[in-house]
Amino acid sequence: ETDDVKWMEIAEASMKEMEIYAAHGPSNYKHKLLLLQAESAFLYGEDNDAAKLYDSAIKAADDNGFIQDQAVACERAGIFHMKRGNTSTASHYYGQAHNAYLKLGAEKKAS
């Protein structure tokens, strides 16, 4: 078993566990599940799904006041779009991440 397969199995198990948490406490966990699903779609090359899932994760984190998770989701969405060659879209997400990190007082992370 290669390391890639091992990590993919761990990721799948983590997402299944997060699905349970999200079902019982959606305001606390749904955005985290959506981000994990976005990352999975990104890794599997499911670009349309990944883009939608990143946006859903960002909105869910924002709706429930998880600025730190919103910042991470924005940053990851920026990385996704940059790797796809969408620099202007990536810049938008990086800007959102920057602003969220500043709201948290994480000036060094934001710079």
N, C-alpha and C. Protein backbone atom coordinates (compact mmCIF):
# COMPACT_ATOMS: atom_id res chain seq x y z
N GLU A 1 0.85 -1.18 0.00
CA GLU A 1 0.00 0.00 0.00
C GLU A 1 0.89 1.24 0.00
N THR A 2 0.65 2.11 -0.96
CA THR A 2 1.46 3.33 -1.06
C THR A 2 0.98 4.36 -0.06
N ASP A 3 1.83 5.34 0.17
CA ASP A 3 1.46 6.43 1.08
C ASP A 3 0.22 7.16 0.59
N ASP A 4 0.11 7.35 -0.75
CA ASP A 4 -1.06 8.05 -1.30
C ASP A 4 -2.34 7.32 -0.95
N VAL A 5 -2.34 6.02 -1.14
CA VAL A 5 -3.54 5.23 -0.84
C VAL A 5 -3.85 5.29 0.64
N LYS A 6 -2.81 5.18 1.46
CA LYS A 6 -3.00 5.25 2.92
C LYS A 6 -3.64 6.56 3.33
N TRP A 7 -3.14 7.68 2.79
CA TRP A 7 -3.67 8.99 3.16
C TRP A 7 -5.07 9.19 2.61
N MET A 8 -5.36 8.63 1.45
CA MET A 8 -6.70 8.73 0.89
C MET A 8 -7.71 7.98 1.77
N GLU A 9 -7.30 6.84 2.30
CA GLU A 9 -8.17 6.08 3.19
C GLU A 9 -8.42 6.85 4.49
N ILE A 10 -7.39 7.47 5.01
CA ILE A 10 -7.53 8.28 6.23
C ILE A 10 -8.46 9.46 5.97
N ALA A 11 -8.29 10.10 4.83
CA ALA A 11 -9.14 11.24 4.48
C ALA A 11 -10.60 10.82 4.34
N GLU A 12 -10.85 9.69 3.70
CA GLU A 12 -12.22 9.19 3.55
C GLU A 12 -12.85 8.90 4.91
N ALA A 13 -12.09 8.28 5.79
CA ALA A 13 -12.60 7.98 7.13
C ALA A 13 -12.90 9.26 7.89
N SER A 14 -12.05 10.26 7.75
CA SER A 14 -12.26 11.55 8.41
C SER A 14 -13.52 12.24 7.90
N MET A 15 -13.75 12.16 6.59
CA MET A 15 -14.95 12.78 6.03
C MET A 15 -16.21 12.07 6.52
N LYS A 16 -16.16 10.76 6.61
CA LYS A 16 -17.32 10.02 7.11
C LYS A 16 -17.62 10.40 8.56
N GLU A 17 -16.58 10.55 9.36
CA GLU A 17 -16.75 10.97 10.75
C GLU A 17 -17.32 12.39 10.81
N MET A 18 -16.81 13.26 9.96
CA MET A 18 -17.28 14.65 9.95
C MET A 18 -18.74 14.72 9.49
N GLU A 19 -19.16 13.81 8.62
CA GLU A 19 -20.56 13.77 8.19
C GLU A 19 -21.48 13.54 9.39
N ILE A 20 -21.05 12.70 10.31
CA ILE A 20 -21.85 12.43 11.52
C ILE A 20 -21.93 13.69 12.36
N TYR A 21 -20.79 14.34 12.57
CA TYR A 21 -20.77 15.58 13.36
C TYR A 21 -21.66 16.64 12.71
N ALA A 22 -21.55 16.78 11.38
CA ALA A 22 -22.31 17.80 10.67
C ALA A 22 -23.81 17.52 10.74
N ALA A 23 -24.18 16.25 10.77
CA ALA A 23 -25.60 15.90 10.88
C ALA A 23 -26.16 16.29 12.24
N HIS A 24 -25.36 16.16 13.28
CA HIS A 24 -25.81 16.46 14.64
C HIS A 24 -25.60 17.92 15.05
N GLY A 25 -24.63 18.57 14.46
CA GLY A 25 -24.34 19.97 14.81
C GLY A 25 -23.96 20.75 13.58
N PRO A 26 -24.91 20.96 12.66
CA PRO A 26 -24.55 21.61 11.39
C PRO A 26 -23.93 22.99 11.52
N SER A 27 -24.39 23.77 12.50
CA SER A 27 -23.82 25.12 12.61
C SER A 27 -22.36 25.09 13.04
N ASN A 28 -21.94 24.00 13.67
CA ASN A 28 -20.55 23.88 14.11
C ASN A 28 -19.66 23.10 13.15
N TYR A 29 -20.25 22.23 12.35
CA TYR A 29 -19.43 21.30 11.56
C TYR A 29 -19.67 21.28 10.06
N LYS A 30 -20.80 21.82 9.59
CA LYS A 30 -21.09 21.71 8.17
C LYS A 30 -20.00 22.35 7.30
N HIS A 31 -19.54 23.53 7.71
CA HIS A 31 -18.51 24.22 6.91
C HIS A 31 -17.22 23.40 6.85
N LYS A 32 -16.91 22.68 7.92
CA LYS A 32 -15.70 21.86 7.94
C LYS A 32 -15.85 20.68 6.99
N LEU A 33 -17.03 20.06 7.00
CA LEU A 33 -17.30 18.96 6.07
C LEU A 33 -17.22 19.45 4.63
N LEU A 34 -17.83 20.59 4.35
CA LEU A 34 -17.80 21.14 3.00
C LEU A 34 -16.37 21.42 2.54
N LEU A 35 -15.53 21.92 3.44
CA LEU A 35 -14.14 22.18 3.08
C LEU A 35 -13.40 20.87 2.79
N LEU A 36 -13.63 19.85 3.60
CA LEU A 36 -13.01 18.54 3.34
C LEU A 36 -13.48 17.99 1.98
N GLN A 37 -14.75 18.15 1.69
CA GLN A 37 -15.29 17.68 0.41
C GLN A 37 -14.69 18.47 -0.76
N ALA A 38 -14.50 19.77 -0.56
CA ALA A 38 -13.88 20.60 -1.60
C ALA A 38 -12.45 20.15 -1.86
N GLU A 39 -11.72 19.90 -0.79
CA GLU A 39 -10.33 19.45 -0.95
C GLU A 39 -10.27 18.10 -1.66
N SER A 40 -11.20 17.22 -1.33
CA SER A 40 -11.25 15.91 -1.98
C SER A 40 -11.55 16.07 -3.47
N ALA A 41 -12.53 16.90 -3.79
CA ALA A 41 -12.87 17.14 -5.19
C ALA A 41 -11.68 17.75 -5.94
N PHE A 42 -10.96 18.65 -5.29
CA PHE A 42 -9.76 19.27 -5.86
C PHE A 42 -8.73 18.19 -6.19
N LEU A 43 -8.48 17.32 -5.25
CA LEU A 43 -7.48 16.27 -5.45
C LEU A 43 -7.87 15.28 -6.55
N TYR A 44 -9.17 15.04 -6.69
CA TYR A 44 -9.65 14.11 -7.71
C TYR A 44 -9.91 14.77 -9.06
N GLY A 45 -9.61 16.07 -9.16
CA GLY A 45 -9.78 16.77 -10.43
C GLY A 45 -11.21 17.10 -10.78
N GLU A 46 -12.09 17.10 -9.79
CA GLU A 46 -13.50 17.43 -10.00
C GLU A 46 -13.67 18.94 -9.78
N ASP A 47 -13.19 19.71 -10.75
CA ASP A 47 -13.06 21.15 -10.59
C ASP A 47 -14.38 21.88 -10.33
N ASN A 48 -15.42 21.55 -11.06
CA ASN A 48 -16.70 22.25 -10.86
C ASN A 48 -17.24 22.00 -9.46
N ASP A 49 -17.17 20.74 -9.01
CA ASP A 49 -17.62 20.41 -7.66
C ASP A 49 -16.76 21.12 -6.62
N ALA A 50 -15.45 21.11 -6.83
CA ALA A 50 -14.55 21.74 -5.86
C ALA A 50 -14.88 23.22 -5.72
N ALA A 51 -15.04 23.92 -6.83
CA ALA A 51 -15.33 25.36 -6.78
C ALA A 51 -16.61 25.64 -6.00
N LYS A 52 -17.65 24.87 -6.26
CA LYS A 52 -18.94 25.06 -5.57
C LYS A 52 -18.81 24.73 -4.08
N LEU A 53 -18.07 23.67 -3.77
CA LEU A 53 -17.91 23.28 -2.37
C LEU A 53 -17.09 24.29 -1.58
N TYR A 54 -16.05 24.87 -2.20
CA TYR A 54 -15.30 25.93 -1.51
C TYR A 54 -16.23 27.10 -1.19
N ASP A 55 -17.03 27.51 -2.18
CA ASP A 55 -17.95 28.62 -1.94
C ASP A 55 -18.95 28.29 -0.84
N SER A 56 -19.45 27.07 -0.83
CA SER A 56 -20.40 26.66 0.21
C SER A 56 -19.74 26.65 1.59
N ALA A 57 -18.50 26.18 1.65
CA ALA A 57 -17.77 26.15 2.92
C ALA A 57 -17.53 27.56 3.44
N ILE A 58 -17.15 28.47 2.55
CA ILE A 58 -16.90 29.86 2.93
C ILE A 58 -18.19 30.49 3.47
N LYS A 59 -19.30 30.28 2.76
CA LYS A 59 -20.57 30.86 3.19
C LYS A 59 -21.02 30.27 4.52
N ALA A 60 -20.93 28.95 4.67
CA ALA A 60 -21.36 28.31 5.91
C ALA A 60 -20.51 28.78 7.10
N ALA A 61 -19.22 28.92 6.89
CA ALA A 61 -18.36 29.41 7.97
C ALA A 61 -18.73 30.84 8.34
N ASP A 62 -18.97 31.66 7.32
CA ASP A 62 -19.36 33.05 7.57
C ASP A 62 -20.71 33.13 8.27
N ASP A 63 -21.68 32.36 7.81
CA ASP A 63 -23.02 32.38 8.39
C ASP A 63 -23.01 32.02 9.88
N ASN A 64 -22.07 31.19 10.28
CA ASN A 64 -22.03 30.71 11.65
C ASN A 64 -20.92 31.34 12.50
N GLY A 65 -20.26 32.36 11.95
CA GLY A 65 -19.29 33.13 12.73
C GLY A 65 -17.93 32.49 12.93
N PHE A 66 -17.58 31.54 12.07
CA PHE A 66 -16.27 30.90 12.17
C PHE A 66 -15.29 31.59 11.23
N ILE A 67 -14.84 32.78 11.66
CA ILE A 67 -13.97 33.59 10.80
C ILE A 67 -12.67 32.86 10.48
N GLN A 68 -12.12 32.15 11.47
CA GLN A 68 -10.85 31.45 11.23
C GLN A 68 -11.01 30.38 10.16
N ASP A 69 -12.14 29.67 10.16
CA ASP A 69 -12.37 28.64 9.16
C ASP A 69 -12.73 29.25 7.81
N GLN A 70 -13.40 30.38 7.84
CA GLN A 70 -13.68 31.11 6.61
C GLN A 70 -12.36 31.54 5.96
N ALA A 71 -11.44 32.03 6.76
CA ALA A 71 -10.14 32.46 6.23
C ALA A 71 -9.41 31.30 5.58
N VAL A 72 -9.40 30.16 6.24
CA VAL A 72 -8.71 28.98 5.69
C VAL A 72 -9.39 28.53 4.40
N ALA A 73 -10.73 28.50 4.39
CA ALA A 73 -11.46 28.09 3.19
C ALA A 73 -11.18 29.04 2.02
N CYS A 74 -11.13 30.34 2.31
CA CYS A 74 -10.81 31.32 1.26
C CYS A 74 -9.39 31.10 0.73
N GLU A 75 -8.47 30.87 1.64
CA GLU A 75 -7.08 30.63 1.23
C GLU A 75 -6.98 29.38 0.36
N ARG A 76 -7.63 28.32 0.78
CA ARG A 76 -7.60 27.07 0.00
C ARG A 76 -8.29 27.25 -1.36
N ALA A 77 -9.38 28.02 -1.40
CA ALA A 77 -10.04 28.31 -2.67
C ALA A 77 -9.10 29.10 -3.58
N GLY A 78 -8.36 30.02 -3.01
CA GLY A 78 -7.38 30.77 -3.79
C GLY A 78 -6.32 29.86 -4.39
N ILE A 79 -5.82 28.94 -3.58
CA ILE A 79 -4.82 27.97 -4.07
C ILE A 79 -5.41 27.13 -5.20
N PHE A 80 -6.64 26.66 -5.00
CA PHE A 80 -7.32 25.86 -6.03
C PHE A 80 -7.39 26.62 -7.35
N HIS A 81 -7.87 27.86 -7.30
CA HIS A 81 -8.03 28.63 -8.53
C HIS A 81 -6.68 29.00 -9.15
N MET A 82 -5.68 29.27 -8.32
CA MET A 82 -4.35 29.57 -8.84
C MET A 82 -3.79 28.36 -9.60
N LYS A 83 -3.95 27.19 -9.03
CA LYS A 83 -3.43 25.97 -9.69
C LYS A 83 -4.18 25.68 -10.98
N ARG A 84 -5.36 26.21 -11.12
CA ARG A 84 -6.15 26.03 -12.34
C ARG A 84 -5.89 27.16 -13.34
N GLY A 85 -5.01 28.10 -12.97
CA GLY A 85 -4.65 29.20 -13.87
C GLY A 85 -5.62 30.36 -13.84
N ASN A 86 -6.53 30.38 -12.89
CA ASN A 86 -7.52 31.46 -12.77
C ASN A 86 -6.99 32.51 -11.78
N THR A 87 -6.02 33.28 -12.23
CA THR A 87 -5.34 34.19 -11.31
C THR A 87 -6.25 35.29 -10.76
N SER A 88 -7.16 35.82 -11.56
CA SER A 88 -8.02 36.89 -11.04
C SER A 88 -8.99 36.35 -10.00
N THR A 89 -9.51 35.14 -10.22
CA THR A 89 -10.40 34.52 -9.24
C THR A 89 -9.61 34.19 -7.97
N ALA A 90 -8.40 33.67 -8.16
CA ALA A 90 -7.54 33.35 -7.01
C ALA A 90 -7.27 34.60 -6.19
N SER A 91 -7.00 35.70 -6.87
CA SER A 91 -6.72 36.96 -6.19
C SER A 91 -7.91 37.40 -5.34
N HIS A 92 -9.10 37.20 -5.85
CA HIS A 92 -10.32 37.54 -5.10
C HIS A 92 -10.37 36.74 -3.79
N TYR A 93 -10.13 35.44 -3.87
CA TYR A 93 -10.19 34.59 -2.68
C TYR A 93 -9.05 34.91 -1.71
N TYR A 94 -7.87 35.17 -2.25
CA TYR A 94 -6.76 35.56 -1.37
C TYR A 94 -7.08 36.86 -0.64
N GLY A 95 -7.74 37.79 -1.33
CA GLY A 95 -8.15 39.04 -0.69
C GLY A 95 -9.15 38.81 0.44
N GLN A 96 -10.09 37.89 0.20
CA GLN A 96 -11.05 37.55 1.25
C GLN A 96 -10.34 36.90 2.44
N ALA A 97 -9.40 36.02 2.15
CA ALA A 97 -8.64 35.37 3.23
C ALA A 97 -7.86 36.42 4.02
N HIS A 98 -7.22 37.33 3.31
CA HIS A 98 -6.46 38.40 3.95
C HIS A 98 -7.33 39.19 4.92
N ASN A 99 -8.52 39.58 4.45
CA ASN A 99 -9.43 40.36 5.30
C ASN A 99 -9.89 39.55 6.51
N ALA A 100 -10.18 38.29 6.31
CA ALA A 100 -10.62 37.45 7.43
C ALA A 100 -9.49 37.29 8.45
N TYR A 101 -8.27 37.07 7.98
CA TYR A 101 -7.15 36.95 8.91
C TYR A 101 -6.95 38.25 9.70
N LEU A 102 -7.13 39.39 9.03
CA LEU A 102 -7.01 40.66 9.74
C LEU A 102 -8.09 40.81 10.81
N LYS A 103 -9.31 40.36 10.51
CA LYS A 103 -10.40 40.39 11.52
C LYS A 103 -10.03 39.59 12.75
N LEU A 104 -9.28 38.52 12.53
CA LEU A 104 -8.85 37.68 13.65
C LEU A 104 -7.69 38.27 14.42
N GLY A 105 -7.06 39.29 13.85
CA GLY A 105 -5.88 39.86 14.48
C GLY A 105 -4.61 39.13 14.10
N ALA A 106 -4.68 38.33 13.03
CA ALA A 106 -3.53 37.55 12.58
C ALA A 106 -2.78 38.33 11.50
N GLU A 107 -2.18 39.46 11.90
CA GLU A 107 -1.51 40.34 10.95
C GLU A 107 -0.37 39.65 10.20
N LYS A 108 0.39 38.84 10.92
CA LYS A 108 1.53 38.16 10.26
C LYS A 108 1.05 37.18 9.22
N LYS A 109 -0.03 36.45 9.50
CA LYS A 109 -0.59 35.52 8.53
C LYS A 109 -1.16 36.27 7.34
N ALA A 110 -1.75 37.42 7.60
CA ALA A 110 -2.38 38.21 6.53
C ALA A 110 -1.36 38.86 5.60
N SER A 111 -0.13 39.05 6.09
CA SER A 111 0.85 39.76 5.25
C SER A 111 1.67 38.83 4.38
